[in-house]
Amino acid sequence: MENKNYENSLNELIRASMDLEDKPSSELNIRLKAELYQKEAAMSKKRTHSISLWFVPMILNFILFSLFAVFALLVISNPYISKLIAGICMYMSLAGICITLLGVKRANLKENVIIHIQKRGILA
C-alpha cells in the first residue's frame, strides 16, 4: 500500500512540474534583444577578411620539386639517370599534394592556417 501512495504522490509531482510555465518577463526579453542587436552591430563594424593558407605548402613543394626535375633533366648528361631523378622529384611533388590534401581532410588545416585581415589592413 505504501508503494501505491508513493507512486501517486510521485505522479502528482510530475504532473505539477509539467504544468509550470516559466516564461521570462517581456522587459527582460526586450533588454536581451537590444543587447544582442548591439553586439551584432559591433561585430558587423569590425569586418575582417579571412585568407586560408592551407594550399601554400602544397604549391611550394610542387614548384620546388618540379624545378629539381627540370634541373636534373637539363644538367645530368646520362638520360637514364636524369629521367630517374626527374621521376623521383615528380613523385615527391605528387606525394606532397596527397599529404596536404590528407592534412586538410583529417587535421582541419583550413581552419587552423588562416590569416585574418581587418578592414583597414591591420593583421589580427
PDB file of N, CA and C in Angstrom:
ATOM      1  N   MET A   1       0.812  -1.193   0.000  1.00  0.00           N
ATOM      2  CA  MET A   1       0.000   0.000   0.000  1.00  0.00           C
ATOM      3  C   MET A   1       0.852   1.252   0.000  1.00  0.00           C
ATOM      4  N   GLU A   2       1.932   1.189   0.722  1.00  0.00           N
ATOM      5  CA  GLU A   2       2.795   2.345   0.742  1.00  0.00           C
ATOM      6  C   GLU A   2       3.349   2.625  -0.646  1.00  0.00           C
ATOM      7  N   ASN A   3       3.558   1.595  -1.416  1.00  0.00           N
ATOM      8  CA  ASN A   3       4.097   1.749  -2.754  1.00  0.00           C
ATOM      9  C   ASN A   3       3.115   2.514  -3.645  1.00  0.00           C
ATOM     10  N   LYS A   4       1.834   2.215  -3.558  1.00  0.00           N
ATOM     11  CA  LYS A   4       0.842   2.913  -4.363  1.00  0.00           C
ATOM     12  C   LYS A   4       0.765   4.393  -3.949  1.00  0.00           C
ATOM     13  N   ASN A   5       0.834   4.638  -2.676  1.00  0.00           N
ATOM     14  CA  ASN A   5       0.795   6.014  -2.190  1.00  0.00           C
ATOM     15  C   ASN A   5       2.012   6.792  -2.701  1.00  0.00           C
ATOM     16  N   TYR A   6       3.158   6.139  -2.685  1.00  0.00           N
ATOM     17  CA  TYR A   6       4.381   6.776  -3.170  1.00  0.00           C
ATOM     18  C   TYR A   6       4.256   7.075  -4.662  1.00  0.00           C
ATOM     19  N   GLU A   7       3.724   6.114  -5.435  1.00  0.00           N
ATOM     20  CA  GLU A   7       3.562   6.318  -6.878  1.00  0.00           C
ATOM     21  C   GLU A   7       2.567   7.436  -7.161  1.00  0.00           C
ATOM     22  N   ASN A   8       1.501   7.511  -6.394  1.00  0.00           N
ATOM     23  CA  ASN A   8       0.520   8.575  -6.610  1.00  0.00           C
ATOM     24  C   ASN A   8       1.117   9.945  -6.326  1.00  0.00           C
ATOM     25  N   SER A   9       1.849  10.044  -5.223  1.00  0.00           N
ATOM     26  CA  SER A   9       2.450  11.342  -4.904  1.00  0.00           C
ATOM     27  C   SER A   9       3.527  11.703  -5.928  1.00  0.00           C
ATOM     28  N   LEU A  10       4.270  10.716  -6.420  1.00  0.00           N
ATOM     29  CA  LEU A  10       5.266  10.964  -7.446  1.00  0.00           C
ATOM     30  C   LEU A  10       4.605  11.408  -8.745  1.00  0.00           C
ATOM     31  N   ASN A  11       3.517  10.769  -9.112  1.00  0.00           N
ATOM     32  CA  ASN A  11       2.786  11.167 -10.315  1.00  0.00           C
ATOM     33  C   ASN A  11       2.230  12.584 -10.182  1.00  0.00           C
ATOM     34  N   GLU A  12       1.762  12.914  -9.017  1.00  0.00           N
ATOM     35  CA  GLU A  12       1.245  14.265  -8.797  1.00  0.00           C
ATOM     36  C   GLU A  12       2.360  15.303  -8.916  1.00  0.00           C
ATOM     37  N   LEU A  13       3.541  14.985  -8.384  1.00  0.00           N
ATOM     38  CA  LEU A  13       4.670  15.900  -8.507  1.00  0.00           C
ATOM     39  C   LEU A  13       5.092  16.082  -9.963  1.00  0.00           C
ATOM     40  N   ILE A  14       5.104  15.001 -10.707  1.00  0.00           N
ATOM     41  CA  ILE A  14       5.475  15.079 -12.123  1.00  0.00           C
ATOM     42  C   ILE A  14       4.464  15.915 -12.888  1.00  0.00           C
ATOM     43  N   ARG A  15       3.202  15.708 -12.656  1.00  0.00           N
ATOM     44  CA  ARG A  15       2.154  16.494 -13.343  1.00  0.00           C
ATOM     45  C   ARG A  15       2.228  17.966 -12.949  1.00  0.00           C
ATOM     46  N   ALA A  16       2.519  18.228 -11.697  1.00  0.00           N
ATOM     47  CA  ALA A  16       2.620  19.616 -11.246  1.00  0.00           C
ATOM     48  C   ALA A  16       3.823  20.311 -11.888  1.00  0.00           C
ATOM     49  N   SER A  17       4.920  19.590 -12.019  1.00  0.00           N
ATOM     50  CA  SER A  17       6.097  20.204 -12.634  1.00  0.00           C
ATOM     51  C   SER A  17       5.894  20.418 -14.128  1.00  0.00           C
ATOM     52  N   MET A  18       5.094  19.593 -14.760  1.00  0.00           N
ATOM     53  CA  MET A  18       4.823  19.772 -16.189  1.00  0.00           C
ATOM     54  C   MET A  18       3.875  20.944 -16.429  1.00  0.00           C
ATOM     55  N   ASP A  19       3.042  21.262 -15.454  1.00  0.00           N
ATOM     56  CA  ASP A  19       2.089  22.355 -15.613  1.00  0.00           C
ATOM     57  C   ASP A  19       2.725  23.729 -15.423  1.00  0.00           C
ATOM     58  N   LEU A  20       3.913  23.787 -14.814  1.00  0.00           N
ATOM     59  CA  LEU A  20       4.561  25.072 -14.598  1.00  0.00           C
ATOM     60  C   LEU A  20       5.028  25.646 -15.928  1.00  0.00           C
ATOM     61  N   GLU A  21       4.770  26.909 -16.121  1.00  0.00           N
ATOM     62  CA  GLU A  21       5.212  27.583 -17.334  1.00  0.00           C
ATOM     63  C   GLU A  21       6.023  28.813 -16.939  1.00  0.00           C
ATOM     64  N   ASP A  22       7.321  28.636 -16.863  1.00  0.00           N
ATOM     65  CA  ASP A  22       8.204  29.748 -16.518  1.00  0.00           C
ATOM     66  C   ASP A  22       8.592  30.464 -17.804  1.00  0.00           C
ATOM     67  N   LYS A  23       8.127  31.677 -17.946  1.00  0.00           N
ATOM     68  CA  LYS A  23       8.482  32.494 -19.096  1.00  0.00           C
ATOM     69  C   LYS A  23       9.130  33.768 -18.582  1.00  0.00           C
ATOM     70  N   PRO A  24      10.164  34.241 -19.287  1.00  0.00           N
ATOM     71  CA  PRO A  24      10.787  35.484 -18.842  1.00  0.00           C
ATOM     72  C   PRO A  24       9.849  36.662 -19.083  1.00  0.00           C
ATOM     73  N   SER A  25      10.047  37.685 -18.301  1.00  0.00           N
ATOM     74  CA  SER A  25       9.207  38.873 -18.461  1.00  0.00           C
ATOM     75  C   SER A  25       9.518  39.535 -19.797  1.00  0.00           C
ATOM     76  N   SER A  26       8.562  40.306 -20.276  1.00  0.00           N
ATOM     77  CA  SER A  26       8.738  40.960 -21.573  1.00  0.00           C
ATOM     78  C   SER A  26       9.842  42.011 -21.508  1.00  0.00           C
ATOM     79  N   GLU A  27      10.023  42.663 -20.350  1.00  0.00           N
ATOM     80  CA  GLU A  27      11.095  43.649 -20.208  1.00  0.00           C
ATOM     81  C   GLU A  27      12.471  43.002 -20.357  1.00  0.00           C
ATOM     82  N   LEU A  28      12.643  41.845 -19.717  1.00  0.00           N
ATOM     83  CA  LEU A  28      13.908  41.126 -19.820  1.00  0.00           C
ATOM     84  C   LEU A  28      14.148  40.689 -21.260  1.00  0.00           C
ATOM     85  N   ASN A  29      13.131  40.229 -21.911  1.00  0.00           N
ATOM     86  CA  ASN A  29      13.238  39.794 -23.293  1.00  0.00           C
ATOM     87  C   ASN A  29      13.637  40.957 -24.200  1.00  0.00           C
ATOM     88  N   ILE A  30      13.058  42.122 -23.990  1.00  0.00           N
ATOM     89  CA  ILE A  30      13.381  43.305 -24.794  1.00  0.00           C
ATOM     90  C   ILE A  30      14.816  43.740 -24.558  1.00  0.00           C
ATOM     91  N   ARG A  31      15.265  43.724 -23.285  1.00  0.00           N
ATOM     92  CA  ARG A  31      16.637  44.118 -22.979  1.00  0.00           C
ATOM     93  C   ARG A  31      17.654  43.160 -23.618  1.00  0.00           C
ATOM     94  N   LEU A  32      17.351  41.857 -23.552  1.00  0.00           N
ATOM     95  CA  LEU A  32      18.258  40.883 -24.147  1.00  0.00           C
ATOM     96  C   LEU A  32      18.328  41.032 -25.670  1.00  0.00           C
ATOM     97  N   LYS A  33      17.195  41.309 -26.297  1.00  0.00           N
ATOM     98  CA  LYS A  33      17.202  41.528 -27.743  1.00  0.00           C
ATOM     99  C   LYS A  33      17.995  42.770 -28.098  1.00  0.00           C
ATOM    100  N   ALA A  34      17.847  43.830 -27.302  1.00  0.00           N
ATOM    101  CA  ALA A  34      18.588  45.060 -27.562  1.00  0.00           C
ATOM    102  C   ALA A  34      20.093  44.827 -27.456  1.00  0.00           C
ATOM    103  N   GLU A  35      20.522  44.079 -26.429  1.00  0.00           N
ATOM    104  CA  GLU A  35      21.942  43.773 -26.271  1.00  0.00           C
ATOM    105  C   GLU A  35      22.448  42.929 -27.437  1.00  0.00           C
ATOM    106  N   LEU A  36      21.642  41.990 -27.876  1.00  0.00           N
ATOM    107  CA  LEU A  36      22.022  41.147 -28.999  1.00  0.00           C
ATOM    108  C   LEU A  36      22.176  41.969 -30.276  1.00  0.00           C
ATOM    109  N   TYR A  37      21.263  42.881 -30.524  1.00  0.00           N
ATOM    110  CA  TYR A  37      21.363  43.734 -31.711  1.00  0.00           C
ATOM    111  C   TYR A  37      22.585  44.644 -31.642  1.00  0.00           C
ATOM    112  N   GLN A  38      22.902  45.139 -30.440  1.00  0.00           N
ATOM    113  CA  GLN A  38      24.087  45.985 -30.288  1.00  0.00           C
ATOM    114  C   GLN A  38      25.358  45.188 -30.573  1.00  0.00           C
ATOM    115  N   LYS A  39      25.422  43.951 -30.074  1.00  0.00           N
ATOM    116  CA  LYS A  39      26.600  43.123 -30.319  1.00  0.00           C
ATOM    117  C   LYS A  39      26.732  42.774 -31.796  1.00  0.00           C
ATOM    118  N   GLU A  40      25.612  42.509 -32.464  1.00  0.00           N
ATOM    119  CA  GLU A  40      25.664  42.221 -33.897  1.00  0.00           C
ATOM    120  C   GLU A  40      26.124  43.441 -34.681  1.00  0.00           C
ATOM    121  N   ALA A  41      25.679  44.626 -34.285  1.00  0.00           N
ATOM    122  CA  ALA A  41      26.100  45.855 -34.960  1.00  0.00           C
ATOM    123  C   ALA A  41      27.598  46.083 -34.761  1.00  0.00           C
ATOM    124  N   ALA A  42      28.090  45.817 -33.557  1.00  0.00           N
ATOM    125  CA  ALA A  42      29.520  45.981 -33.293  1.00  0.00           C
ATOM    126  C   ALA A  42      30.340  44.970 -34.089  1.00  0.00           C
ATOM    127  N   MET A  43      29.841  43.759 -34.229  1.00  0.00           N
ATOM    128  CA  MET A  43      30.555  42.739 -34.995  1.00  0.00           C
ATOM    129  C   MET A  43      30.592  43.092 -36.476  1.00  0.00           C
ATOM    130  N   SER A  44      29.515  43.664 -36.994  1.00  0.00           N
ATOM    131  CA  SER A  44      29.488  43.997 -38.416  1.00  0.00           C
ATOM    132  C   SER A  44      30.419  45.160 -38.727  1.00  0.00           C
ATOM    133  N   LYS A  45      30.684  46.030 -37.766  1.00  0.00           N
ATOM    134  CA  LYS A  45      31.609  47.137 -37.974  1.00  0.00           C
ATOM    135  C   LYS A  45      33.040  46.637 -38.079  1.00  0.00           C
ATOM    136  N   LYS A  46      33.365  45.568 -37.369  1.00  0.00           N
ATOM    137  CA  LYS A  46      34.721  45.020 -37.375  1.00  0.00           C
ATOM    138  C   LYS A  46      34.828  43.906 -38.422  1.00  0.00           C
ATOM    139  N   ARG A  47      34.507  44.197 -39.630  1.00  0.00           N
ATOM    140  CA  ARG A  47      34.572  43.185 -40.679  1.00  0.00           C
ATOM    141  C   ARG A  47      36.026  42.822 -40.960  1.00  0.00           C
ATOM    142  N   THR A  48      36.262  41.547 -40.989  1.00  0.00           N
ATOM    143  CA  THR A  48      37.592  41.056 -41.302  1.00  0.00           C
ATOM    144  C   THR A  48      37.502  40.121 -42.493  1.00  0.00           C
ATOM    145  N   HIS A  49      38.550  40.120 -43.272  1.00  0.00           N
ATOM    146  CA  HIS A  49      38.658  39.190 -44.384  1.00  0.00           C
ATOM    147  C   HIS A  49      39.569  38.061 -43.941  1.00  0.00           C
ATOM    148  N   SER A  50      39.185  36.850 -44.265  1.00  0.00           N
ATOM    149  CA  SER A  50      39.985  35.688 -43.886  1.00  0.00           C
ATOM    150  C   SER A  50      40.592  35.065 -45.135  1.00  0.00           C
ATOM    151  N   ILE A  51      41.876  34.802 -45.062  1.00  0.00           N
ATOM    152  CA  ILE A  51      42.579  34.131 -46.152  1.00  0.00           C
ATOM    153  C   ILE A  51      43.149  32.833 -45.602  1.00  0.00           C
ATOM    154  N   SER A  52      42.747  31.729 -46.207  1.00  0.00           N
ATOM    155  CA  SER A  52      43.237  30.430 -45.781  1.00  0.00           C
ATOM    156  C   SER A  52      44.546  30.135 -46.496  1.00  0.00           C
ATOM    157  N   LEU A  53      45.528  29.683 -45.760  1.00  0.00           N
ATOM    158  CA  LEU A  53      46.846  29.400 -46.321  1.00  0.00           C
ATOM    159  C   LEU A  53      47.158  27.902 -46.378  1.00  0.00           C
ATOM    160  N   TRP A  54      46.159  27.070 -46.406  1.00  0.00           N
ATOM    161  CA  TRP A  54      46.390  25.631 -46.377  1.00  0.00           C
ATOM    162  C   TRP A  54      47.055  25.135 -47.652  1.00  0.00           C
ATOM    163  N   PHE A  55      46.924  25.855 -48.751  1.00  0.00           N
ATOM    164  CA  PHE A  55      47.452  25.402 -50.030  1.00  0.00           C
ATOM    165  C   PHE A  55      48.903  25.824 -50.263  1.00  0.00           C
ATOM    166  N   VAL A  56      49.452  26.729 -49.463  1.00  0.00           N
ATOM    167  CA  VAL A  56      50.796  27.261 -49.693  1.00  0.00           C
ATOM    168  C   VAL A  56      51.880  26.181 -49.606  1.00  0.00           C
ATOM    169  N   PRO A  57      51.922  25.308 -48.596  1.00  0.00           N
ATOM    170  CA  PRO A  57      52.968  24.273 -48.582  1.00  0.00           C
ATOM    171  C   PRO A  57      52.880  23.344 -49.792  1.00  0.00           C
ATOM    172  N   MET A  58      51.667  23.040 -50.215  1.00  0.00           N
ATOM    173  CA  MET A  58      51.493  22.156 -51.365  1.00  0.00           C
ATOM    174  C   MET A  58      52.063  22.805 -52.633  1.00  0.00           C
ATOM    175  N   ILE A  59      51.771  24.078 -52.846  1.00  0.00           N
ATOM    176  CA  ILE A  59      52.246  24.768 -54.043  1.00  0.00           C
ATOM    177  C   ILE A  59      53.766  24.914 -54.011  1.00  0.00           C
ATOM    178  N   LEU A  60      54.307  25.298 -52.864  1.00  0.00           N
ATOM    179  CA  LEU A  60      55.761  25.443 -52.759  1.00  0.00           C
ATOM    180  C   LEU A  60      56.475  24.112 -52.979  1.00  0.00           C
ATOM    181  N   ASN A  61      55.942  23.044 -52.429  1.00  0.00           N
ATOM    182  CA  ASN A  61      56.523  21.721 -52.618  1.00  0.00           C
ATOM    183  C   ASN A  61      56.478  21.328 -54.091  1.00  0.00           C
ATOM    184  N   PHE A  62      55.348  21.573 -54.749  1.00  0.00           N
ATOM    185  CA  PHE A  62      55.208  21.215 -56.157  1.00  0.00           C
ATOM    186  C   PHE A  62      56.179  22.011 -57.023  1.00  0.00           C
ATOM    187  N   ILE A  63      56.293  23.313 -56.774  1.00  0.00           N
ATOM    188  CA  ILE A  63      57.200  24.146 -57.569  1.00  0.00           C
ATOM    189  C   ILE A  63      58.655  23.733 -57.348  1.00  0.00           C
ATOM    190  N   LEU A  64      59.034  23.493 -56.095  1.00  0.00           N
ATOM    191  CA  LEU A  64      60.406  23.150 -55.769  1.00  0.00           C
ATOM    192  C   LEU A  64      60.824  21.839 -56.437  1.00  0.00           C
ATOM    193  N   PHE A  65      60.026  20.798 -56.287  1.00  0.00           N
ATOM    194  CA  PHE A  65      60.409  19.510 -56.865  1.00  0.00           C
ATOM    195  C   PHE A  65      60.262  19.495 -58.382  1.00  0.00           C
ATOM    196  N   SER A  66      59.376  20.301 -58.942  1.00  0.00           N
ATOM    197  CA  SER A  66      59.307  20.422 -60.398  1.00  0.00           C
ATOM    198  C   SER A  66      60.570  21.086 -60.939  1.00  0.00           C
ATOM    199  N   LEU A  67      61.051  22.106 -60.233  1.00  0.00           N
ATOM    200  CA  LEU A  67      62.307  22.741 -60.645  1.00  0.00           C
ATOM    201  C   LEU A  67      63.488  21.784 -60.508  1.00  0.00           C
ATOM    202  N   PHE A  68      63.502  20.964 -59.463  1.00  0.00           N
ATOM    203  CA  PHE A  68      64.556  19.959 -59.326  1.00  0.00           C
ATOM    204  C   PHE A  68      64.515  18.975 -60.497  1.00  0.00           C
ATOM    205  N   ALA A  69      63.303  18.585 -60.909  1.00  0.00           N
ATOM    206  CA  ALA A  69      63.169  17.647 -62.023  1.00  0.00           C
ATOM    207  C   ALA A  69      63.677  18.275 -63.318  1.00  0.00           C
ATOM    208  N   VAL A  70      63.325  19.515 -63.577  1.00  0.00           N
ATOM    209  CA  VAL A  70      63.801  20.201 -64.787  1.00  0.00           C
ATOM    210  C   VAL A  70      65.318  20.370 -64.724  1.00  0.00           C
ATOM    211  N   PHE A  71      65.824  20.731 -63.555  1.00  0.00           N
ATOM    212  CA  PHE A  71      67.267  20.883 -63.377  1.00  0.00           C
ATOM    213  C   PHE A  71      67.990  19.556 -63.641  1.00  0.00           C
ATOM    214  N   ALA A  72      67.438  18.446 -63.146  1.00  0.00           N
ATOM    215  CA  ALA A  72      68.051  17.137 -63.370  1.00  0.00           C
ATOM    216  C   ALA A  72      68.031  16.778 -64.850  1.00  0.00           C
ATOM    217  N   LEU A  73      66.947  17.075 -65.550  1.00  0.00           N
ATOM    218  CA  LEU A  73      66.868  16.762 -66.978  1.00  0.00           C
ATOM    219  C   LEU A  73      67.852  17.601 -67.797  1.00  0.00           C
ATOM    220  N   LEU A  74      68.077  18.841 -67.363  1.00  0.00           N
ATOM    221  CA  LEU A  74      68.967  19.720 -68.125  1.00  0.00           C
ATOM    222  C   LEU A  74      70.448  19.499 -67.817  1.00  0.00           C
ATOM    223  N   VAL A  75      70.788  19.181 -66.590  1.00  0.00           N
ATOM    224  CA  VAL A  75      72.184  19.144 -66.169  1.00  0.00           C
ATOM    225  C   VAL A  75      72.812  17.764 -66.306  1.00  0.00           C
ATOM    226  N   ILE A  76      72.088  16.727 -65.953  1.00  0.00           N
ATOM    227  CA  ILE A  76      72.664  15.381 -65.956  1.00  0.00           C
ATOM    228  C   ILE A  76      72.701  14.874 -67.393  1.00  0.00           C
ATOM    229  N   SER A  77      73.885  14.419 -67.804  1.00  0.00           N
ATOM    230  CA  SER A  77      74.065  14.008 -69.202  1.00  0.00           C
ATOM    231  C   SER A  77      73.547  12.602 -69.483  1.00  0.00           C
ATOM    232  N   ASN A  78      73.575  11.724 -68.507  1.00  0.00           N
ATOM    233  CA  ASN A  78      73.085  10.361 -68.714  1.00  0.00           C
ATOM    234  C   ASN A  78      71.550  10.396 -68.715  1.00  0.00           C
ATOM    235  N   PRO A  79      70.890  10.023 -69.831  1.00  0.00           N
ATOM    236  CA  PRO A  79      69.432  10.153 -69.909  1.00  0.00           C
ATOM    237  C   PRO A  79      68.678   9.255 -68.930  1.00  0.00           C
ATOM    238  N   TYR A  80      69.217   8.083 -68.633  1.00  0.00           N
ATOM    239  CA  TYR A  80      68.523   7.172 -67.715  1.00  0.00           C
ATOM    240  C   TYR A  80      68.531   7.713 -66.284  1.00  0.00           C
ATOM    241  N   ILE A  81      69.675   8.197 -65.863  1.00  0.00           N
ATOM    242  CA  ILE A  81      69.776   8.728 -64.505  1.00  0.00           C
ATOM    243  C   ILE A  81      68.970  10.027 -64.383  1.00  0.00           C
ATOM    244  N   SER A  82      69.018  10.880 -65.406  1.00  0.00           N
ATOM    245  CA  SER A  82      68.267  12.140 -65.332  1.00  0.00           C
ATOM    246  C   SER A  82      66.765  11.881 -65.292  1.00  0.00           C
ATOM    247  N   LYS A  83      66.290  10.898 -66.082  1.00  0.00           N
ATOM    248  CA  LYS A  83      64.856  10.562 -66.053  1.00  0.00           C
ATOM    249  C   LYS A  83      64.474   9.913 -64.724  1.00  0.00           C
ATOM    250  N   LEU A  84      65.373   9.117 -64.160  1.00  0.00           N
ATOM    251  CA  LEU A  84      65.098   8.506 -62.856  1.00  0.00           C
ATOM    252  C   LEU A  84      64.985   9.571 -61.775  1.00  0.00           C
ATOM    253  N   ILE A  85      65.914  10.504 -61.752  1.00  0.00           N
ATOM    254  CA  ILE A  85      65.877  11.568 -60.746  1.00  0.00           C
ATOM    255  C   ILE A  85      64.672  12.480 -60.961  1.00  0.00           C
ATOM    256  N   ALA A  86      64.368  12.790 -62.221  1.00  0.00           N
ATOM    257  CA  ALA A  86      63.190  13.612 -62.514  1.00  0.00           C
ATOM    258  C   ALA A  86      61.912  12.894 -62.088  1.00  0.00           C
ATOM    259  N   GLY A  87      61.846  11.597 -62.287  1.00  0.00           N
ATOM    260  CA  GLY A  87      60.675  10.815 -61.842  1.00  0.00           C
ATOM    261  C   GLY A  87      60.531  10.816 -60.335  1.00  0.00           C
ATOM    262  N   ILE A  88      61.656  10.692 -59.639  1.00  0.00           N
ATOM    263  CA  ILE A  88      61.616  10.728 -58.174  1.00  0.00           C
ATOM    264  C   ILE A  88      61.137  12.104 -57.696  1.00  0.00           C
ATOM    265  N   CYS A  89      61.623  13.156 -58.359  1.00  0.00           N
ATOM    266  CA  CYS A  89      61.201  14.516 -57.972  1.00  0.00           C
ATOM    267  C   CYS A  89      59.709  14.724 -58.222  1.00  0.00           C
ATOM    268  N   MET A  90      59.199  14.233 -59.340  1.00  0.00           N
ATOM    269  CA  MET A  90      57.765  14.375 -59.616  1.00  0.00           C
ATOM    270  C   MET A  90      56.939  13.530 -58.633  1.00  0.00           C
ATOM    271  N   TYR A  91      57.474  12.362 -58.265  1.00  0.00           N
ATOM    272  CA  TYR A  91      56.803  11.545 -57.258  1.00  0.00           C
ATOM    273  C   TYR A  91      56.726  12.294 -55.932  1.00  0.00           C
ATOM    274  N   MET A  92      57.793  12.975 -55.561  1.00  0.00           N
ATOM    275  CA  MET A  92      57.798  13.739 -54.303  1.00  0.00           C
ATOM    276  C   MET A  92      56.812  14.900 -54.362  1.00  0.00           C
ATOM    277  N   SER A  93      56.684  15.542 -55.521  1.00  0.00           N
ATOM    278  CA  SER A  93      55.727  16.651 -55.620  1.00  0.00           C
ATOM    279  C   SER A  93      54.298  16.135 -55.522  1.00  0.00           C
ATOM    280  N   LEU A  94      54.006  14.989 -56.131  1.00  0.00           N
ATOM    281  CA  LEU A  94      52.661  14.408 -56.021  1.00  0.00           C
ATOM    282  C   LEU A  94      52.389  13.893 -54.612  1.00  0.00           C
ATOM    283  N   ALA A  95      53.423  13.368 -53.954  1.00  0.00           N
ATOM    284  CA  ALA A  95      53.255  12.921 -52.567  1.00  0.00           C
ATOM    285  C   ALA A  95      52.962  14.107 -51.653  1.00  0.00           C
ATOM    286  N   GLY A  96      53.596  15.251 -51.920  1.00  0.00           N
ATOM    287  CA  GLY A  96      53.314  16.456 -51.130  1.00  0.00           C
ATOM    288  C   GLY A  96      51.883  16.915 -51.296  1.00  0.00           C
ATOM    289  N   ILE A  97      51.348  16.800 -52.524  1.00  0.00           N
ATOM    290  CA  ILE A  97      49.949  17.154 -52.761  1.00  0.00           C
ATOM    291  C   ILE A  97      49.030  16.226 -51.986  1.00  0.00           C
ATOM    292  N   CYS A  98      49.313  14.929 -52.034  1.00  0.00           N
ATOM    293  CA  CYS A  98      48.475  13.955 -51.308  1.00  0.00           C
ATOM    294  C   CYS A  98      48.529  14.174 -49.803  1.00  0.00           C
ATOM    295  N   ILE A  99      49.711  14.455 -49.284  1.00  0.00           N
ATOM    296  CA  ILE A  99      49.852  14.685 -47.837  1.00  0.00           C
ATOM    297  C   ILE A  99      49.091  15.937 -47.414  1.00  0.00           C
ATOM    298  N   THR A 100      49.158  16.983 -48.240  1.00  0.00           N
ATOM    299  CA  THR A 100      48.439  18.216 -47.910  1.00  0.00           C
ATOM    300  C   THR A 100      46.934  17.996 -47.943  1.00  0.00           C
ATOM    301  N   LEU A 101      46.445  17.294 -48.969  1.00  0.00           N
ATOM    302  CA  LEU A 101      45.008  17.016 -49.036  1.00  0.00           C
ATOM    303  C   LEU A 101      44.550  16.143 -47.879  1.00  0.00           C
ATOM    304  N   LEU A 102      45.381  15.192 -47.477  1.00  0.00           N
ATOM    305  CA  LEU A 102      45.054  14.363 -46.319  1.00  0.00           C
ATOM    306  C   LEU A 102      45.036  15.208 -45.045  1.00  0.00           C
ATOM    307  N   GLY A 103      45.980  16.137 -44.923  1.00  0.00           N
ATOM    308  CA  GLY A 103      46.004  17.023 -43.766  1.00  0.00           C
ATOM    309  C   GLY A 103      44.788  17.927 -43.719  1.00  0.00           C
ATOM    310  N   VAL A 104      44.320  18.383 -44.877  1.00  0.00           N
ATOM    311  CA  VAL A 104      43.117  19.220 -44.922  1.00  0.00           C
ATOM    312  C   VAL A 104      41.914  18.413 -44.470  1.00  0.00           C
ATOM    313  N   LYS A 105      41.850  17.162 -44.894  1.00  0.00           N
ATOM    314  CA  LYS A 105      40.692  16.341 -44.557  1.00  0.00           C
ATOM    315  C   LYS A 105      40.699  15.887 -43.101  1.00  0.00           C
ATOM    316  N   ARG A 106      41.866  15.514 -42.596  1.00  0.00           N
ATOM    317  CA  ARG A 106      41.937  14.904 -41.261  1.00  0.00           C
ATOM    318  C   ARG A 106      42.297  15.874 -40.134  1.00  0.00           C
ATOM    319  N   ALA A 107      43.042  16.924 -40.425  1.00  0.00           N
ATOM    320  CA  ALA A 107      43.570  17.768 -39.350  1.00  0.00           C
ATOM    321  C   ALA A 107      43.017  19.185 -39.365  1.00  0.00           C
ATOM    322  N   ASN A 108      41.988  19.447 -40.128  1.00  0.00           N
ATOM    323  CA  ASN A 108      41.357  20.770 -40.197  1.00  0.00           C
ATOM    324  C   ASN A 108      42.370  21.870 -40.502  1.00  0.00           C
ATOM    325  N   LEU A 109      43.174  21.665 -41.523  1.00  0.00           N
ATOM    326  CA  LEU A 109      44.155  22.673 -41.907  1.00  0.00           C
ATOM    327  C   LEU A 109      43.496  23.962 -42.369  1.00  0.00           C
ATOM    328  N   LYS A 110      42.326  23.866 -42.969  1.00  0.00           N
ATOM    329  CA  LYS A 110      41.661  25.073 -43.462  1.00  0.00           C
ATOM    330  C   LYS A 110      41.327  26.026 -42.323  1.00  0.00           C
ATOM    331  N   GLU A 111      40.930  25.484 -41.175  1.00  0.00           N
ATOM    332  CA  GLU A 111      40.569  26.338 -40.049  1.00  0.00           C
ATOM    333  C   GLU A 111      41.783  26.779 -39.239  1.00  0.00           C
ATOM    334  N   ASN A 112      42.827  25.955 -39.217  1.00  0.00           N
ATOM    335  CA  ASN A 112      43.969  26.254 -38.363  1.00  0.00           C
ATOM    336  C   ASN A 112      44.977  27.198 -39.003  1.00  0.00           C
ATOM    337  N   VAL A 113      45.007  27.285 -40.320  1.00  0.00           N
ATOM    338  CA  VAL A 113      46.001  28.106 -41.002  1.00  0.00           C
ATOM    339  C   VAL A 113      45.264  29.223 -41.739  1.00  0.00           C
ATOM    340  N   ILE A 114      44.847  30.234 -41.001  1.00  0.00           N
ATOM    341  CA  ILE A 114      44.077  31.344 -41.565  1.00  0.00           C
ATOM    342  C   ILE A 114      44.687  32.662 -41.112  1.00  0.00           C
ATOM    343  N   ILE A 115      44.754  33.603 -42.028  1.00  0.00           N
ATOM    344  CA  ILE A 115      45.155  34.971 -41.682  1.00  0.00           C
ATOM    345  C   ILE A 115      43.902  35.830 -41.729  1.00  0.00           C
ATOM    346  N   HIS A 116      43.653  36.581 -40.674  1.00  0.00           N
ATOM    347  CA  HIS A 116      42.514  37.491 -40.619  1.00  0.00           C
ATOM    348  C   HIS A 116      43.022  38.909 -40.871  1.00  0.00           C
ATOM    349  N   ILE A 117      42.428  39.571 -41.847  1.00  0.00           N
ATOM    350  CA  ILE A 117      42.810  40.942 -42.180  1.00  0.00           C
ATOM    351  C   ILE A 117      41.622  41.841 -41.885  1.00  0.00           C
ATOM    352  N   GLN A 118      41.849  42.840 -41.019  1.00  0.00           N
ATOM    353  CA  GLN A 118      40.776  43.753 -40.680  1.00  0.00           C
ATOM    354  C   GLN A 118      40.539  44.738 -41.815  1.00  0.00           C
ATOM    355  N   LYS A 119      39.507  45.524 -41.666  1.00  0.00           N
ATOM    356  CA  LYS A 119      39.072  46.430 -42.720  1.00  0.00           C
ATOM    357  C   LYS A 119      40.151  47.411 -43.151  1.00  0.00           C
ATOM    358  N   ARG A 120      40.963  47.893 -42.237  1.00  0.00           N
ATOM    359  CA  ARG A 120      41.994  48.883 -42.559  1.00  0.00           C
ATOM    360  C   ARG A 120      43.330  48.233 -42.875  1.00  0.00           C
ATOM    361  N   GLY A 121      43.365  46.939 -43.057  1.00  0.00           N
ATOM    362  CA  GLY A 121      44.595  46.261 -43.438  1.00  0.00           C
ATOM    363  C   GLY A 121      45.474  45.862 -42.289  1.00  0.00           C
ATOM    364  N   ILE A 122      44.977  45.885 -41.069  1.00  0.00           N
ATOM    365  CA  ILE A 122      45.754  45.520 -39.901  1.00  0.00           C
ATOM    366  C   ILE A 122      45.580  44.030 -39.667  1.00  0.00           C
ATOM    367  N   LEU A 123      46.669  43.324 -39.511  1.00  0.00           N
ATOM    368  CA  LEU A 123      46.582  41.881 -39.268  1.00  0.00           C
ATOM    369  C   LEU A 123      46.105  41.624 -37.858  1.00  0.00           C
ATOM    370  N   ALA A 124      45.235  40.630 -37.725  1.00  0.00           N
ATOM    371  CA  ALA A 124      44.722  40.290 -36.403  1.00  0.00           C
ATOM    372  C   ALA A 124      45.166  38.903 -36.028  1.00  0.00           C
TER     373      ALA A 124
END
